[in-house]
């Protein structure tokens, strides 16, 4: 019975570890590149707005 309980805990810990690894890998491969692209687009938008406003100063 002692080995059975130990096996249950090890199996549960392994399952949680694998799930955490999958979520981390998904975040790194899908979510982070999208956020970086959005940040780059926002920066370009801010630059364009500054250029547009500075071009019409009198």
Protein backbone atom coordinates (compact mmCIF):
# COMPACT_ATOMS: atom_id res chain seq x y z
CA UNK A 1 0.00 0.00 0.00
CA UNK A 2 2.92 2.35 0.73
CA UNK A 3 4.28 1.98 -2.82
CA UNK A 4 0.82 2.55 -4.26
CA UNK A 5 0.41 5.89 -2.46
CA UNK A 6 3.93 6.92 -3.45
CA UNK A 7 3.10 6.04 -7.06
CA UNK A 8 -0.07 8.11 -6.97
CA UNK A 9 1.86 11.16 -5.71
CA UNK A 10 4.66 10.71 -8.25
CA UNK A 11 2.15 10.26 -11.07
CA UNK A 12 0.18 13.34 -10.04
CA UNK A 13 3.37 15.41 -9.78
CA UNK A 14 4.52 14.20 -13.19
CA UNK A 15 1.15 15.04 -14.72
CA UNK A 16 1.21 18.54 -13.25
CA UNK A 17 4.78 19.01 -14.49
CA UNK A 18 3.93 17.92 -18.02
CA UNK A 19 0.86 20.17 -18.09
CA UNK A 20 2.93 23.14 -16.88
CA UNK A 21 5.55 22.41 -19.53
CA UNK A 22 2.91 22.30 -22.25
CA UNK A 23 1.41 25.61 -21.16
CA UNK A 24 4.87 27.20 -21.00
CA UNK A 25 5.79 25.93 -24.48
CA UNK A 26 2.46 27.15 -25.90
CA UNK A 27 3.01 30.59 -24.37
CA UNK A 28 6.54 30.83 -25.77
CA UNK A 29 5.63 29.68 -29.29
CA UNK A 30 2.21 31.30 -29.76
CA UNK A 31 1.40 34.04 -27.26
CA UNK A 32 4.76 35.83 -26.93
CA UNK A 33 5.34 36.34 -30.69
CA UNK A 34 1.84 37.80 -31.05
CA UNK A 35 2.44 40.20 -28.16
CA UNK A 36 5.82 41.23 -29.62
CA UNK A 37 4.21 41.92 -32.99
CA UNK A 38 1.48 44.02 -31.36
CA UNK A 39 4.09 46.01 -29.43
CA UNK A 40 6.05 46.64 -32.64
CA UNK A 41 2.90 47.81 -34.45
CA UNK A 42 2.03 50.14 -31.55
CA UNK A 43 5.53 51.62 -31.63
CA UNK A 44 5.30 52.21 -35.38
CA UNK A 45 1.90 53.81 -34.94
CA UNK A 46 3.28 56.17 -32.26
CA UNK A 47 6.20 57.12 -34.52
CA UNK A 48 3.86 57.83 -37.41
CA UNK A 49 1.67 60.04 -35.23
CA UNK A 50 4.71 61.99 -33.99
CA UNK A 51 5.98 62.45 -37.56
CA UNK A 52 2.58 63.57 -38.76
CA UNK A 53 2.25 66.14 -35.99
CA UNK A 54 5.80 67.44 -36.32
CA UNK A 55 5.50 67.84 -40.09
CA UNK A 56 2.71 70.40 -39.70
CA UNK A 57 4.28 72.64 -37.07
CA UNK A 58 4.44 76.33 -37.99
